[in-house]
Amino acid sequence: MSKIQKYKHTDKMIDLISDNYTLLQVMSRFGLSLGFGEKTVKEVCEMNQVDCPTFLAVVNFMVEGYSRIDDSSDDLSIPALVDYLRQAHIYFLDFCLPGIRRKLIYAIDCSDDDVSFLILKFFDNYMNEVRRHMEYEEKTVFKYVDSLLNNNPPLNYQISTFSKHHDSISERLTELKNILIKYCPPKANKSMLNTALYDIYSCEEGLDSHCKIEDYLFVPAILKLERRVTNNEK
């Protein structure tokens, strides 16, 4: 990977947000608060005890994608990255998806319309699918990483097990979007339904980015940690 990144530790944090407001989500998941004035990225990270290279790796990946992945795992703090991913799980499961569900309930009347009932059932099934996906990561993958960090990994698991079966969890939202667009219930609150649909688009993009961060930043970093731990054991 080229060492010339779009954003650097000497940039002002306000400039990052001005350039791309979606980075507010990254800040939130790293525990960075607003009100940082004219401070640089490094100063804001230090003030909040956040690993700056890891924050920048995620930010630059979000902005520039695959062109920044070759050796970006070298400078990553794995505990910081795992905490970021855990906070993302909390956001999707406790805030984003339940918020969309509330808007759908408000927008459509499920009591007297079969299409409305099926829309909500489809969404509930999808929420359960996302929850299972993320609970597996919490209970199995992150627990495995903790054991690696403590130099005590189990013999029956490797990160390749996760990566081989790590499918995107945003695809079914495309189906839901198409259902809403093509078969919008006639009695639906159009304004609220459009708002819910906009949130679904945003959630789909967020989940897709989340999975790619796991695939292209998290997994390579854990593979290198596995090799280090294995070499130390020999």
C-alpha atoms as a PDB file:
ATOM      1  CA  MET A   1       0.000   0.000   0.000  1.00  0.00           C
ATOM      2  CA  SER A   2       1.185   3.506  -0.739  1.00  0.00           C
ATOM      3  CA  LYS A   3       2.045   5.414   2.404  1.00  0.00           C
ATOM      4  CA  ILE A   4       0.489   8.582   0.964  1.00  0.00           C
ATOM      5  CA  GLN A   5      -3.011   8.608   2.420  1.00  0.00           C
ATOM      6  CA  LYS A   6      -5.828  11.057   1.849  1.00  0.00           C
ATOM      7  CA  TYR A   7      -6.056  11.907   5.546  1.00  0.00           C
ATOM      8  CA  LYS A   8      -3.051  12.202   7.872  1.00  0.00           C
ATOM      9  CA  HIS A   9      -2.575  12.688  11.586  1.00  0.00           C
ATOM     10  CA  THR A  10      -1.643  16.350  11.020  1.00  0.00           C
ATOM     11  CA  ASP A  11      -4.972  17.187   9.337  1.00  0.00           C
ATOM     12  CA  LYS A  12      -7.590  19.035  11.337  1.00  0.00           C
ATOM     13  CA  MET A  13     -10.407  16.762  12.438  1.00  0.00           C
ATOM     14  CA  ILE A  14     -12.985  19.326  11.334  1.00  0.00           C
ATOM     15  CA  ASP A  15     -11.655  19.030   7.771  1.00  0.00           C
ATOM     16  CA  LEU A  16     -12.359  15.292   7.711  1.00  0.00           C
ATOM     17  CA  ILE A  17     -15.973  15.836   8.693  1.00  0.00           C
ATOM     18  CA  SER A  18     -16.378  18.755   6.300  1.00  0.00           C
ATOM     19  CA  ASP A  19     -15.083  16.583   3.465  1.00  0.00           C
ATOM     20  CA  ASN A  20     -17.222  13.554   4.303  1.00  0.00           C
ATOM     21  CA  TYR A  21     -19.966  13.726   6.926  1.00  0.00           C
ATOM     22  CA  THR A  22     -20.349   9.915   6.952  1.00  0.00           C
ATOM     23  CA  LEU A  23     -17.088   9.804   8.922  1.00  0.00           C
ATOM     24  CA  LEU A  24     -19.127  10.994  11.909  1.00  0.00           C
ATOM     25  CA  GLN A  25     -20.128   7.328  12.324  1.00  0.00           C
ATOM     26  CA  VAL A  26     -16.465   6.291  12.427  1.00  0.00           C
ATOM     27  CA  MET A  27     -15.753   8.955  15.062  1.00  0.00           C
ATOM     28  CA  SER A  28     -18.676   7.790  17.166  1.00  0.00           C
ATOM     29  CA  ARG A  29     -17.588   4.143  17.060  1.00  0.00           C
ATOM     30  CA  PHE A  30     -14.094   5.098  18.191  1.00  0.00           C
ATOM     31  CA  GLY A  31     -15.577   7.101  21.059  1.00  0.00           C
ATOM     32  CA  LEU A  32     -14.482  10.485  19.705  1.00  0.00           C
ATOM     33  CA  SER A  33     -16.678  13.366  20.836  1.00  0.00           C
ATOM     34  CA  LEU A  34     -17.548  16.555  19.018  1.00  0.00           C
ATOM     35  CA  GLY A  35     -16.333  19.900  20.320  1.00  0.00           C
ATOM     36  CA  PHE A  36     -12.693  19.446  19.283  1.00  0.00           C
ATOM     37  CA  GLY A  37     -12.254  22.949  17.858  1.00  0.00           C
ATOM     38  CA  GLU A  38      -9.265  23.277  15.535  1.00  0.00           C
ATOM     39  CA  LYS A  39      -7.382  20.254  16.893  1.00  0.00           C
ATOM     40  CA  THR A  40      -5.634  17.832  14.560  1.00  0.00           C
ATOM     41  CA  VAL A  41      -6.597  14.198  14.132  1.00  0.00           C
ATOM     42  CA  LYS A  42      -3.672  13.156  16.322  1.00  0.00           C
ATOM     43  CA  GLU A  43      -4.586  15.637  19.062  1.00  0.00           C
ATOM     44  CA  VAL A  44      -8.228  14.556  19.117  1.00  0.00           C
ATOM     45  CA  CYS A  45      -7.250  10.870  19.245  1.00  0.00           C
ATOM     46  CA  GLU A  46      -4.738  11.465  22.044  1.00  0.00           C
ATOM     47  CA  MET A  47      -7.285  13.524  23.973  1.00  0.00           C
ATOM     48  CA  ASN A  48      -9.716  10.580  23.810  1.00  0.00           C
ATOM     49  CA  GLN A  49      -7.084   7.824  24.240  1.00  0.00           C
ATOM     50  CA  VAL A  50      -7.818   6.404  20.779  1.00  0.00           C
ATOM     51  CA  ASP A  51      -5.135   4.741  18.656  1.00  0.00           C
ATOM     52  CA  CYS A  52      -4.559   7.260  15.862  1.00  0.00           C
ATOM     53  CA  PRO A  53      -3.107   4.890  13.184  1.00  0.00           C
ATOM     54  CA  THR A  54      -6.100   2.572  13.568  1.00  0.00           C
ATOM     55  CA  PHE A  55      -8.560   5.446  13.328  1.00  0.00           C
ATOM     56  CA  LEU A  56      -6.835   6.729  10.187  1.00  0.00           C
ATOM     57  CA  ALA A  57      -6.691   3.246   8.648  1.00  0.00           C
ATOM     58  CA  VAL A  58     -10.472   2.903   8.988  1.00  0.00           C
ATOM     59  CA  VAL A  59     -11.137   6.463   7.819  1.00  0.00           C
ATOM     60  CA  ASN A  60      -8.934   6.137   4.733  1.00  0.00           C
ATOM     61  CA  PHE A  61     -10.391   2.731   3.901  1.00  0.00           C
ATOM     62  CA  MET A  62     -13.909   4.148   4.149  1.00  0.00           C
ATOM     63  CA  VAL A  63     -12.960   6.977   1.789  1.00  0.00           C
ATOM     64  CA  GLU A  64     -10.605   5.235  -0.632  1.00  0.00           C
ATOM     65  CA  GLY A  65     -11.407   1.541  -0.320  1.00  0.00           C
ATOM     66  CA  TYR A  66      -9.306  -1.266  -1.736  1.00  0.00           C
ATOM     67  CA  SER A  67      -6.390   0.900  -2.875  1.00  0.00           C
ATOM     68  CA  ARG A  68      -5.322   1.241   0.767  1.00  0.00           C
ATOM     69  CA  ILE A  69      -5.314  -2.339   2.024  1.00  0.00           C
ATOM     70  CA  ASP A  70      -2.025  -4.036   1.094  1.00  0.00           C
ATOM     71  CA  ASP A  71      -0.080  -3.597   4.337  1.00  0.00           C
ATOM     72  CA  SER A  72      -2.431  -1.362   6.314  1.00  0.00           C
ATOM     73  CA  SER A  73      -2.694  -4.002   9.045  1.00  0.00           C
ATOM     74  CA  ASP A  74       0.932  -3.369  10.081  1.00  0.00           C
ATOM     75  CA  ASP A  75       0.111  -0.298  12.180  1.00  0.00           C
ATOM     76  CA  LEU A  76      -3.268  -1.378  13.490  1.00  0.00           C
ATOM     77  CA  SER A  77      -4.125  -1.764  17.147  1.00  0.00           C
ATOM     78  CA  ILE A  78      -6.194  -4.936  17.162  1.00  0.00           C
ATOM     79  CA  PRO A  79      -7.961  -4.113  20.467  1.00  0.00           C
ATOM     80  CA  ALA A  80      -8.926  -0.704  19.043  1.00  0.00           C
ATOM     81  CA  LEU A  81     -10.206  -2.267  15.817  1.00  0.00           C
ATOM     82  CA  VAL A  82     -12.204  -4.943  17.655  1.00  0.00           C
ATOM     83  CA  ASP A  83     -13.761  -2.264  19.867  1.00  0.00           C
ATOM     84  CA  TYR A  84     -14.669  -0.274  16.749  1.00  0.00           C
ATOM     85  CA  LEU A  85     -16.382  -3.332  15.240  1.00  0.00           C
ATOM     86  CA  ARG A  86     -18.237  -4.019  18.488  1.00  0.00           C
ATOM     87  CA  GLN A  87     -19.533  -0.456  18.568  1.00  0.00           C
ATOM     88  CA  ALA A  88     -20.679  -0.854  14.965  1.00  0.00           C
ATOM     89  CA  HIS A  89     -22.648  -3.947  15.986  1.00  0.00           C
ATOM     90  CA  ILE A  90     -24.338  -1.993  18.769  1.00  0.00           C
ATOM     91  CA  TYR A  91     -25.242   0.773  16.322  1.00  0.00           C
ATOM     92  CA  PHE A  92     -26.845  -1.549  13.771  1.00  0.00           C
ATOM     93  CA  LEU A  93     -28.635  -3.856  16.223  1.00  0.00           C
ATOM     94  CA  ASP A  94     -29.763  -1.348  18.855  1.00  0.00           C
ATOM     95  CA  PHE A  95     -30.290   1.839  16.869  1.00  0.00           C
ATOM     96  CA  CYS A  96     -30.256   1.672  13.070  1.00  0.00           C
ATOM     97  CA  LEU A  97     -32.376  -1.407  12.326  1.00  0.00           C
ATOM     98  CA  PRO A  98     -34.908  -0.861  15.169  1.00  0.00           C
ATOM     99  CA  GLY A  99     -35.270   2.749  13.986  1.00  0.00           C
ATOM    100  CA  ILE A 100     -36.133   1.594  10.470  1.00  0.00           C
ATOM    101  CA  ARG A 101     -38.634  -0.895  11.879  1.00  0.00           C
ATOM    102  CA  ARG A 102     -40.403   1.819  13.860  1.00  0.00           C
ATOM    103  CA  LYS A 103     -40.706   3.957  10.721  1.00  0.00           C
ATOM    104  CA  LEU A 104     -42.076   1.033   8.716  1.00  0.00           C
ATOM    105  CA  ILE A 105     -44.713   0.337  11.376  1.00  0.00           C
ATOM    106  CA  TYR A 106     -45.681   3.998  11.354  1.00  0.00           C
ATOM    107  CA  ALA A 107     -45.797   4.114   7.556  1.00  0.00           C
ATOM    108  CA  ILE A 108     -47.766   0.947   6.842  1.00  0.00           C
ATOM    109  CA  ASP A 109     -50.839  -0.576   8.471  1.00  0.00           C
ATOM    110  CA  CYS A 110     -50.091  -4.249   8.978  1.00  0.00           C
ATOM    111  CA  SER A 111     -53.552  -5.067  10.331  1.00  0.00           C
ATOM    112  CA  ASP A 112     -55.499  -4.942   7.080  1.00  0.00           C
ATOM    113  CA  ASP A 113     -52.968  -5.329   4.283  1.00  0.00           C
ATOM    114  CA  ASP A 114     -51.190  -8.554   3.338  1.00  0.00           C
ATOM    115  CA  VAL A 115     -48.346  -6.721   1.586  1.00  0.00           C
ATOM    116  CA  SER A 116     -47.704  -4.573   4.670  1.00  0.00           C
ATOM    117  CA  PHE A 117     -47.638  -7.675   6.878  1.00  0.00           C
ATOM    118  CA  LEU A 118     -45.186  -9.425   4.558  1.00  0.00           C
ATOM    119  CA  ILE A 119     -42.933  -6.349   4.422  1.00  0.00           C
ATOM    120  CA  LEU A 120     -42.657  -6.244   8.197  1.00  0.00           C
ATOM    121  CA  LYS A 121     -42.174 -10.026   8.429  1.00  0.00           C
ATOM    122  CA  PHE A 122     -39.427  -9.836   5.809  1.00  0.00           C
ATOM    123  CA  PHE A 123     -37.706  -7.068   7.755  1.00  0.00           C
ATOM    124  CA  ASP A 124     -37.972  -8.938  11.072  1.00  0.00           C
ATOM    125  CA  ASN A 125     -36.438 -12.035   9.492  1.00  0.00           C
ATOM    126  CA  TYR A 126     -33.633  -9.897   8.141  1.00  0.00           C
ATOM    127  CA  MET A 127     -32.995  -8.318  11.554  1.00  0.00           C
ATOM    128  CA  ASN A 128     -32.730 -11.796  13.061  1.00  0.00           C
ATOM    129  CA  GLU A 129     -30.258 -12.781  10.336  1.00  0.00           C
ATOM    130  CA  VAL A 130     -28.069  -9.749  11.084  1.00  0.00           C
ATOM    131  CA  ARG A 131     -28.264 -10.450  14.808  1.00  0.00           C
ATOM    132  CA  ARG A 132     -27.127 -14.071  14.315  1.00  0.00           C
ATOM    133  CA  HIS A 133     -24.273 -12.898  12.088  1.00  0.00           C
ATOM    134  CA  MET A 134     -23.028 -10.367  14.611  1.00  0.00           C
ATOM    135  CA  GLU A 135     -23.574 -12.583  17.658  1.00  0.00           C
ATOM    136  CA  TYR A 136     -21.348 -15.206  16.025  1.00  0.00           C
ATOM    137  CA  GLU A 137     -18.629 -12.597  15.627  1.00  0.00           C
ATOM    138  CA  GLU A 138     -19.040 -11.434  19.227  1.00  0.00           C
ATOM    139  CA  LYS A 139     -19.115 -14.881  20.823  1.00  0.00           C
ATOM    140  CA  THR A 140     -16.707 -16.763  18.547  1.00  0.00           C
ATOM    141  CA  VAL A 141     -14.489 -14.511  16.428  1.00  0.00           C
ATOM    142  CA  PHE A 142     -13.765 -11.738  18.928  1.00  0.00           C
ATOM    143  CA  LYS A 143     -13.352 -14.267  21.720  1.00  0.00           C
ATOM    144  CA  TYR A 144     -10.799 -16.058  19.552  1.00  0.00           C
ATOM    145  CA  VAL A 145      -8.945 -12.777  18.951  1.00  0.00           C
ATOM    146  CA  ASP A 146      -8.847 -12.142  22.704  1.00  0.00           C
ATOM    147  CA  SER A 147      -7.262 -15.569  23.187  1.00  0.00           C
ATOM    148  CA  LEU A 148      -4.660 -14.755  20.513  1.00  0.00           C
ATOM    149  CA  LEU A 149      -3.813 -11.484  22.230  1.00  0.00           C
ATOM    150  CA  ASN A 150      -3.300 -13.479  25.438  1.00  0.00           C
ATOM    151  CA  ASN A 151      -1.072 -16.003  23.610  1.00  0.00           C
ATOM    152  CA  ASN A 152      -3.515 -18.787  24.383  1.00  0.00           C
ATOM    153  CA  PRO A 153      -5.397 -19.575  21.139  1.00  0.00           C
ATOM    154  CA  PRO A 154      -7.618 -22.666  20.849  1.00  0.00           C
ATOM    155  CA  LEU A 155      -6.372 -25.406  18.540  1.00  0.00           C
ATOM    156  CA  ASN A 156      -9.706 -25.916  16.759  1.00  0.00           C
ATOM    157  CA  TYR A 157     -10.222 -22.455  15.267  1.00  0.00           C
ATOM    158  CA  GLN A 158      -8.474 -20.006  12.931  1.00  0.00           C
ATOM    159  CA  ILE A 159      -9.508 -16.700  11.419  1.00  0.00           C
ATOM    160  CA  SER A 160      -9.623 -18.384   7.984  1.00  0.00           C
ATOM    161  CA  THR A 161     -12.681 -20.294   9.239  1.00  0.00           C
ATOM    162  CA  PHE A 162     -14.428 -16.964   9.644  1.00  0.00           C
ATOM    163  CA  SER A 163     -13.209 -15.392   6.401  1.00  0.00           C
ATOM    164  CA  LYS A 164     -14.216 -18.359   4.223  1.00  0.00           C
ATOM    165  CA  HIS A 165     -17.836 -18.077   5.338  1.00  0.00           C
ATOM    166  CA  HIS A 166     -18.105 -14.332   5.829  1.00  0.00           C
ATOM    167  CA  ASP A 167     -20.864 -13.273   3.466  1.00  0.00           C
ATOM    168  CA  SER A 168     -22.262  -9.788   3.057  1.00  0.00           C
ATOM    169  CA  ILE A 169     -25.331  -9.144   5.210  1.00  0.00           C
ATOM    170  CA  SER A 170     -26.579  -6.174   3.198  1.00  0.00           C
ATOM    171  CA  GLU A 171     -27.863  -8.035   0.130  1.00  0.00           C
ATOM    172  CA  ARG A 172     -31.349  -8.835   1.405  1.00  0.00           C
ATOM    173  CA  LEU A 173     -31.952  -5.151   1.998  1.00  0.00           C
ATOM    174  CA  THR A 174     -31.855  -4.783  -1.796  1.00  0.00           C
ATOM    175  CA  GLU A 175     -34.822  -7.154  -1.966  1.00  0.00           C
ATOM    176  CA  LEU A 176     -36.672  -5.131   0.662  1.00  0.00           C
ATOM    177  CA  LYS A 177     -36.008  -1.889  -1.209  1.00  0.00           C
ATOM    178  CA  ASN A 178     -37.415  -3.403  -4.399  1.00  0.00           C
ATOM    179  CA  ILE A 179     -40.520  -4.662  -2.584  1.00  0.00           C
ATOM    180  CA  LEU A 180     -41.194  -1.221  -1.123  1.00  0.00           C
ATOM    181  CA  ILE A 181     -40.605   0.549  -4.419  1.00  0.00           C
ATOM    182  CA  LYS A 182     -42.665  -1.851  -6.561  1.00  0.00           C
ATOM    183  CA  TYR A 183     -45.441  -2.831  -4.142  1.00  0.00           C
ATOM    184  CA  CYS A 184     -45.898   0.136  -1.835  1.00  0.00           C
ATOM    185  CA  PRO A 185     -49.178  -0.391   0.090  1.00  0.00           C
ATOM    186  CA  PRO A 186     -51.792   2.075  -1.190  1.00  0.00           C
ATOM    187  CA  LYS A 187     -52.674   3.341   2.294  1.00  0.00           C
ATOM    188  CA  ALA A 188     -49.051   3.903   3.332  1.00  0.00           C
ATOM    189  CA  ASN A 189     -47.879   7.188   4.772  1.00  0.00           C
ATOM    190  CA  LYS A 190     -45.803   8.159   1.763  1.00  0.00           C
ATOM    191  CA  SER A 191     -43.542  10.642   3.532  1.00  0.00           C
ATOM    192  CA  MET A 192     -42.656   8.238   6.344  1.00  0.00           C
ATOM    193  CA  LEU A 193     -42.225   5.337   3.944  1.00  0.00           C
ATOM    194  CA  ASN A 194     -39.821   7.389   1.827  1.00  0.00           C
ATOM    195  CA  THR A 195     -37.910   8.287   4.980  1.00  0.00           C
ATOM    196  CA  ALA A 196     -37.703   4.603   5.936  1.00  0.00           C
ATOM    197  CA  LEU A 197     -36.573   3.731   2.417  1.00  0.00           C
ATOM    198  CA  TYR A 198     -33.832   6.373   2.580  1.00  0.00           C
ATOM    199  CA  ASP A 199     -32.664   4.904   5.886  1.00  0.00           C
ATOM    200  CA  ILE A 200     -32.624   1.419   4.331  1.00  0.00           C
ATOM    201  CA  TYR A 201     -30.350   2.671   1.545  1.00  0.00           C
ATOM    202  CA  SER A 202     -28.042   4.235   4.141  1.00  0.00           C
ATOM    203  CA  CYS A 203     -28.074   1.100   6.312  1.00  0.00           C
ATOM    204  CA  GLU A 204     -27.267  -1.074   3.303  1.00  0.00           C
ATOM    205  CA  GLU A 205     -24.220   1.051   2.503  1.00  0.00           C
ATOM    206  CA  GLY A 206     -23.139   1.030   6.152  1.00  0.00           C
ATOM    207  CA  LEU A 207     -23.407  -2.753   6.487  1.00  0.00           C
ATOM    208  CA  ASP A 208     -21.528  -3.251   3.234  1.00  0.00           C
ATOM    209  CA  SER A 209     -18.681  -0.998   4.445  1.00  0.00           C
ATOM    210  CA  HIS A 210     -18.682  -2.770   7.810  1.00  0.00           C
ATOM    211  CA  CYS A 211     -18.244  -6.185   6.182  1.00  0.00           C
ATOM    212  CA  LYS A 212     -15.469  -4.896   3.924  1.00  0.00           C
ATOM    213  CA  ILE A 213     -13.571  -3.463   6.898  1.00  0.00           C
ATOM    214  CA  GLU A 214     -13.777  -6.905   8.495  1.00  0.00           C
ATOM    215  CA  ASP A 215     -12.601  -8.599   5.291  1.00  0.00           C
ATOM    216  CA  TYR A 216      -9.813  -6.221   4.258  1.00  0.00           C
ATOM    217  CA  LEU A 217      -8.534  -4.704   7.513  1.00  0.00           C
ATOM    218  CA  PHE A 218      -9.552  -6.978  10.373  1.00  0.00           C
ATOM    219  CA  VAL A 219      -8.890 -10.428   8.851  1.00  0.00           C
ATOM    220  CA  PRO A 220      -5.396  -9.551   7.480  1.00  0.00           C
ATOM    221  CA  ALA A 221      -4.437  -8.084  10.862  1.00  0.00           C
ATOM    222  CA  ILE A 222      -5.552 -11.265  12.650  1.00  0.00           C
ATOM    223  CA  LEU A 223      -3.711 -13.469  10.147  1.00  0.00           C
ATOM    224  CA  LYS A 224      -0.485 -11.605  10.988  1.00  0.00           C
ATOM    225  CA  LEU A 225      -1.220 -11.939  14.703  1.00  0.00           C
ATOM    226  CA  GLU A 226      -1.749 -15.680  14.243  1.00  0.00           C
ATOM    227  CA  ARG A 227       1.626 -16.010  12.533  1.00  0.00           C
ATOM    228  CA  ARG A 228       3.358 -14.052  15.308  1.00  0.00           C
ATOM    229  CA  VAL A 229       1.785 -16.165  18.019  1.00  0.00           C
ATOM    230  CA  THR A 230       2.577 -19.399  16.168  1.00  0.00           C
ATOM    231  CA  ASN A 231       6.217 -18.389  15.624  1.00  0.00           C
ATOM    232  CA  ASN A 232       6.607 -17.497  19.284  1.00  0.00           C
ATOM    233  CA  GLU A 233       5.322 -20.914  20.279  1.00  0.00           C
ATOM    234  CA  LYS A 234       7.916 -22.710  18.165  1.00  0.00           C
END
